[in-house]
């Protein structure tokens, strides 16, 4: 996908709940001017859905593979899609 804007959906597994992963993801997304959300899932993973410039989303994805210092990311499953323009800011859900 080579479009300038895109949508990213990532499922992050490992020690990612209770370690400020979502708050840190939101701070990084806002720094990168990406919009969307991060939320905990019942299986202990975190879902990130974000829209914005493709290069900014790639930077967010690179950050997601490491997370904040307290996290221990094991895997990140990624899906790319077309930009929808669904979000006005990045939120924690």
N, C-alpha and C. Protein backbone atom coordinates (compact mmCIF):
# COMPACT_ATOMS: atom_id res chain seq x y z
N UNK A 1 0.84 -1.17 0.00
CA UNK A 1 0.00 0.00 0.00
C UNK A 1 0.89 1.24 0.00
N UNK A 2 0.77 2.07 -0.98
CA UNK A 2 1.67 3.21 -1.08
C UNK A 2 0.96 4.55 -0.93
N UNK A 3 -0.31 4.55 -0.52
CA UNK A 3 -1.03 5.79 -0.33
C UNK A 3 -0.36 6.64 0.75
N UNK A 4 -0.57 7.90 0.66
CA UNK A 4 0.02 8.81 1.64
C UNK A 4 -0.61 8.65 3.02
N UNK A 5 -1.93 8.44 3.08
CA UNK A 5 -2.63 8.21 4.34
C UNK A 5 -3.15 6.79 4.38
N UNK A 6 -3.23 6.23 5.59
CA UNK A 6 -3.66 4.83 5.72
C UNK A 6 -4.28 4.63 7.09
N UNK A 7 -4.74 3.40 7.28
CA UNK A 7 -5.30 2.97 8.57
C UNK A 7 -4.52 1.74 9.01
N UNK A 8 -4.17 1.72 10.27
CA UNK A 8 -3.41 0.63 10.87
C UNK A 8 -4.23 0.01 11.99
N UNK A 9 -4.29 -1.31 12.03
CA UNK A 9 -4.87 -2.01 13.17
C UNK A 9 -3.81 -2.99 13.65
N UNK A 10 -3.45 -2.90 14.92
CA UNK A 10 -2.41 -3.76 15.49
C UNK A 10 -2.93 -4.41 16.77
N UNK A 11 -2.59 -5.68 16.92
CA UNK A 11 -2.90 -6.42 18.13
C UNK A 11 -1.57 -6.77 18.78
N UNK A 12 -1.36 -6.26 19.99
CA UNK A 12 -0.08 -6.37 20.68
C UNK A 12 -0.23 -7.34 21.84
N UNK A 13 0.60 -8.37 21.87
CA UNK A 13 0.54 -9.36 22.94
C UNK A 13 1.84 -9.34 23.74
N UNK A 14 1.75 -9.90 24.94
CA UNK A 14 2.87 -9.91 25.88
C UNK A 14 2.43 -9.26 27.18
N UNK A 15 3.37 -8.71 27.92
CA UNK A 15 3.02 -7.96 29.14
C UNK A 15 2.75 -6.52 28.73
N UNK A 16 1.49 -6.26 28.34
CA UNK A 16 1.13 -4.95 27.81
C UNK A 16 -0.05 -4.31 28.54
N UNK A 17 -0.60 -4.99 29.53
CA UNK A 17 -1.65 -4.37 30.35
C UNK A 17 -1.09 -4.14 31.75
N UNK A 18 -1.47 -3.00 32.33
CA UNK A 18 -1.00 -2.67 33.67
C UNK A 18 0.41 -2.11 33.68
N UNK A 19 0.93 -1.71 32.51
CA UNK A 19 2.30 -1.18 32.42
C UNK A 19 2.32 0.15 31.66
N UNK A 20 1.19 0.84 31.61
CA UNK A 20 1.05 2.14 30.95
C UNK A 20 1.24 2.05 29.43
N UNK A 21 0.96 0.88 28.87
CA UNK A 21 1.12 0.71 27.42
C UNK A 21 0.17 1.63 26.65
N UNK A 22 -1.11 1.63 27.01
CA UNK A 22 -2.08 2.46 26.27
C UNK A 22 -1.77 3.94 26.41
N UNK A 23 -1.45 4.38 27.61
CA UNK A 23 -1.14 5.80 27.82
C UNK A 23 0.11 6.21 27.04
N UNK A 24 1.10 5.34 27.04
CA UNK A 24 2.32 5.62 26.30
C UNK A 24 2.07 5.60 24.80
N UNK A 25 1.22 4.67 24.34
CA UNK A 25 0.86 4.61 22.92
C UNK A 25 0.13 5.89 22.51
N UNK A 26 -0.76 6.35 23.37
CA UNK A 26 -1.50 7.59 23.07
C UNK A 26 -0.55 8.78 22.98
N UNK A 27 0.39 8.87 23.90
CA UNK A 27 1.36 9.97 23.86
C UNK A 27 2.18 9.92 22.58
N UNK A 28 2.62 8.73 22.19
CA UNK A 28 3.40 8.59 20.97
C UNK A 28 2.56 8.91 19.74
N UNK A 29 1.32 8.45 19.71
CA UNK A 29 0.44 8.74 18.58
C UNK A 29 0.18 10.24 18.45
N UNK A 30 -0.04 10.89 19.57
CA UNK A 30 -0.27 12.35 19.53
C UNK A 30 0.98 13.08 19.06
N UNK A 31 2.14 12.62 19.50
CA UNK A 31 3.40 13.22 19.06
C UNK A 31 3.54 13.08 17.54
N UNK A 32 3.11 11.94 17.01
CA UNK A 32 3.20 11.67 15.58
C UNK A 32 2.02 12.23 14.79
N UNK A 33 1.07 12.86 15.48
CA UNK A 33 -0.13 13.44 14.87
C UNK A 33 -0.98 12.38 14.18
N UNK A 34 -1.15 11.26 14.88
CA UNK A 34 -1.97 10.15 14.42
C UNK A 34 -3.25 10.13 15.25
N UNK A 35 -4.35 9.75 14.62
CA UNK A 35 -5.64 9.70 15.31
C UNK A 35 -6.14 8.27 15.40
N UNK A 36 -6.91 7.97 16.46
CA UNK A 36 -7.46 6.64 16.62
C UNK A 36 -7.65 6.30 18.08
N UNK A 37 -7.34 5.05 18.45
CA UNK A 37 -7.51 4.64 19.85
C UNK A 37 -6.62 3.45 20.18
N UNK A 38 -6.44 3.26 21.48
CA UNK A 38 -5.80 2.05 22.03
C UNK A 38 -6.71 1.54 23.12
N UNK A 39 -6.91 0.21 23.16
CA UNK A 39 -7.77 -0.35 24.20
C UNK A 39 -7.26 -1.74 24.61
N UNK A 40 -7.53 -2.05 25.88
CA UNK A 40 -7.23 -3.39 26.39
C UNK A 40 -8.28 -4.36 25.88
N UNK A 41 -7.85 -5.58 25.59
CA UNK A 41 -8.77 -6.65 25.21
C UNK A 41 -8.81 -7.69 26.32
N UNK A 42 -9.88 -8.45 26.35
CA UNK A 42 -10.10 -9.41 27.42
C UNK A 42 -9.02 -10.49 27.51
N UNK A 43 -8.34 -10.77 26.41
CA UNK A 43 -7.30 -11.80 26.41
C UNK A 43 -5.94 -11.31 26.91
N UNK A 44 -5.89 -10.05 27.38
CA UNK A 44 -4.64 -9.50 27.92
C UNK A 44 -3.81 -8.74 26.90
N UNK A 45 -4.30 -8.66 25.68
CA UNK A 45 -3.58 -7.92 24.63
C UNK A 45 -4.10 -6.48 24.56
N UNK A 46 -3.46 -5.69 23.71
CA UNK A 46 -3.88 -4.32 23.45
C UNK A 46 -4.13 -4.18 21.96
N UNK A 47 -5.23 -3.53 21.61
CA UNK A 47 -5.52 -3.22 20.21
C UNK A 47 -5.26 -1.75 19.97
N UNK A 48 -4.57 -1.46 18.89
CA UNK A 48 -4.35 -0.09 18.44
C UNK A 48 -4.96 0.05 17.06
N UNK A 49 -5.82 1.05 16.90
CA UNK A 49 -6.36 1.40 15.59
C UNK A 49 -5.99 2.86 15.38
N UNK A 50 -5.31 3.13 14.27
CA UNK A 50 -4.83 4.49 14.05
C UNK A 50 -4.91 4.85 12.57
N UNK A 51 -5.14 6.12 12.32
CA UNK A 51 -5.16 6.65 10.96
C UNK A 51 -4.28 7.88 10.88
N UNK A 52 -3.68 8.05 9.73
CA UNK A 52 -2.84 9.21 9.51
C UNK A 52 -1.88 8.99 8.36
N UNK A 53 -0.84 9.80 8.34
CA UNK A 53 0.19 9.65 7.32
C UNK A 53 0.87 8.29 7.46
N UNK A 54 1.10 7.65 6.34
CA UNK A 54 1.68 6.30 6.37
C UNK A 54 3.02 6.27 7.13
N UNK A 55 3.87 7.27 6.92
CA UNK A 55 5.17 7.28 7.61
C UNK A 55 5.00 7.41 9.12
N UNK A 56 4.01 8.18 9.56
CA UNK A 56 3.75 8.33 10.99
C UNK A 56 3.21 7.01 11.57
N UNK A 57 2.36 6.33 10.82
CA UNK A 57 1.83 5.05 11.27
C UNK A 57 2.94 4.00 11.37
N UNK A 58 3.87 4.02 10.42
CA UNK A 58 5.00 3.09 10.47
C UNK A 58 5.86 3.36 11.70
N UNK A 59 6.02 4.65 12.05
CA UNK A 59 6.78 5.00 13.25
C UNK A 59 6.04 4.54 14.51
N UNK A 60 4.72 4.68 14.54
CA UNK A 60 3.92 4.20 15.68
C UNK A 60 4.04 2.68 15.79
N UNK A 61 4.02 2.00 14.67
CA UNK A 61 4.15 0.54 14.68
C UNK A 61 5.52 0.12 15.21
N UNK A 62 6.55 0.82 14.81
CA UNK A 62 7.89 0.52 15.33
C UNK A 62 7.93 0.72 16.85
N UNK A 63 7.31 1.80 17.33
CA UNK A 63 7.23 2.04 18.78
C UNK A 63 6.45 0.90 19.44
N UNK A 64 5.32 0.47 18.83
CA UNK A 64 4.46 -0.56 19.42
C UNK A 64 5.20 -1.88 19.63
N UNK A 65 6.18 -2.15 18.80
CA UNK A 65 6.94 -3.39 18.92
C UNK A 65 7.84 -3.41 20.15
N UNK A 66 8.08 -2.24 20.72
CA UNK A 66 8.89 -2.13 21.94
C UNK A 66 8.03 -1.74 23.14
N UNK A 67 7.19 -0.73 22.95
CA UNK A 67 6.33 -0.24 24.02
C UNK A 67 7.11 0.53 25.06
N UNK A 68 6.45 0.86 26.18
CA UNK A 68 7.13 1.59 27.26
C UNK A 68 8.10 0.66 27.99
N UNK A 69 8.97 1.22 28.81
CA UNK A 69 9.99 0.40 29.49
C UNK A 69 9.44 -0.77 30.30
N UNK A 70 8.27 -0.62 30.91
CA UNK A 70 7.71 -1.67 31.77
C UNK A 70 7.12 -2.84 30.97
N UNK A 71 6.86 -2.64 29.68
CA UNK A 71 6.21 -3.65 28.85
C UNK A 71 7.21 -4.71 28.38
N UNK A 72 6.65 -5.85 28.01
CA UNK A 72 7.42 -6.92 27.38
C UNK A 72 6.59 -7.42 26.20
N UNK A 73 6.79 -6.78 25.05
CA UNK A 73 6.01 -7.11 23.86
C UNK A 73 6.53 -8.41 23.26
N UNK A 74 5.61 -9.34 23.04
CA UNK A 74 5.97 -10.63 22.44
C UNK A 74 5.69 -10.64 20.95
N UNK A 75 4.55 -10.08 20.55
CA UNK A 75 4.16 -10.13 19.13
C UNK A 75 3.25 -8.96 18.81
N UNK A 76 3.33 -8.49 17.57
CA UNK A 76 2.42 -7.47 17.06
C UNK A 76 1.88 -7.97 15.72
N UNK A 77 0.57 -8.20 15.67
CA UNK A 77 -0.09 -8.58 14.42
C UNK A 77 -0.65 -7.32 13.80
N UNK A 78 -0.38 -7.13 12.52
CA UNK A 78 -0.69 -5.87 11.85
C UNK A 78 -1.60 -6.09 10.64
N UNK A 79 -2.55 -5.19 10.50
CA UNK A 79 -3.38 -5.15 9.30
C UNK A 79 -3.42 -3.71 8.81
N UNK A 80 -3.18 -3.52 7.52
CA UNK A 80 -3.26 -2.20 6.89
C UNK A 80 -4.56 -2.10 6.10
N UNK A 81 -5.13 -0.92 6.08
CA UNK A 81 -6.37 -0.69 5.32
C UNK A 81 -6.36 0.74 4.79
N UNK A 82 -7.36 1.04 3.99
CA UNK A 82 -7.50 2.38 3.44
C UNK A 82 -7.89 3.36 4.55
N UNK A 83 -7.47 4.59 4.41
CA UNK A 83 -7.80 5.67 5.33
C UNK A 83 -9.31 5.93 5.27
N UNK A 84 -9.96 6.04 6.45
CA UNK A 84 -11.40 6.31 6.50
C UNK A 84 -11.72 7.71 7.02
N UNK A 85 -10.84 8.29 7.81
CA UNK A 85 -11.11 9.60 8.41
C UNK A 85 -12.10 9.52 9.56
N UNK A 86 -12.09 8.40 10.29
CA UNK A 86 -13.07 8.16 11.35
C UNK A 86 -12.79 8.87 12.67
N UNK A 87 -11.57 9.35 12.89
CA UNK A 87 -11.17 9.83 14.21
C UNK A 87 -10.77 11.30 14.19
N UNK A 88 -11.03 11.98 15.34
CA UNK A 88 -10.66 13.39 15.47
C UNK A 88 -9.43 13.57 16.34
N UNK A 89 -9.10 12.56 17.13
CA UNK A 89 -7.94 12.59 18.02
C UNK A 89 -7.57 11.17 18.39
N UNK A 90 -6.51 11.00 19.17
CA UNK A 90 -6.16 9.66 19.64
C UNK A 90 -6.62 9.53 21.08
N UNK A 91 -7.38 8.46 21.36
CA UNK A 91 -7.96 8.26 22.69
C UNK A 91 -7.57 6.91 23.27
N UNK A 92 -7.68 6.82 24.58
CA UNK A 92 -7.56 5.56 25.28
C UNK A 92 -8.97 5.08 25.56
N UNK A 93 -9.25 3.84 25.22
CA UNK A 93 -10.59 3.29 25.49
C UNK A 93 -10.51 2.26 26.57
